[in-house]
Amino acid sequence: MAKSAKVEAFLDRVASLGCILCAHLGRGYSPAEVHHLFDAHQRSDWLVAPLCRSCHQGPNGFHGLGGERPFRARYKLGEVELLAMTLEKLA
């Protein structure tokens, strides 16, 4: 099913923020892709955070580390915090 123009515009806006983790870590702006938060089986296009490819899928990224628990152990934050930082930047 195709995404609506409203959803596509929102996802583009989120990605345009740049990587939320790189910014949090003081690395500056990094181009981002959208990471869908929480349960992948019931994922929502409205519950997303911008992560660069490295922070998203790289060896030290969310998926590369194996998900929420190891990501939280490494960075001391998880998907809830990523969502909060994203919403703050969007406001």
Foldseek 3Di string as FASTA:
>chain_A
DDDDPVLVVVQVVQQVVAALVCVVVVVDGDRWHWDFDDDPVPTDSVLIHTHHCCQPPNCLHQVNLPHFPSVCVVRVDGSVVRSVSSVVVVD
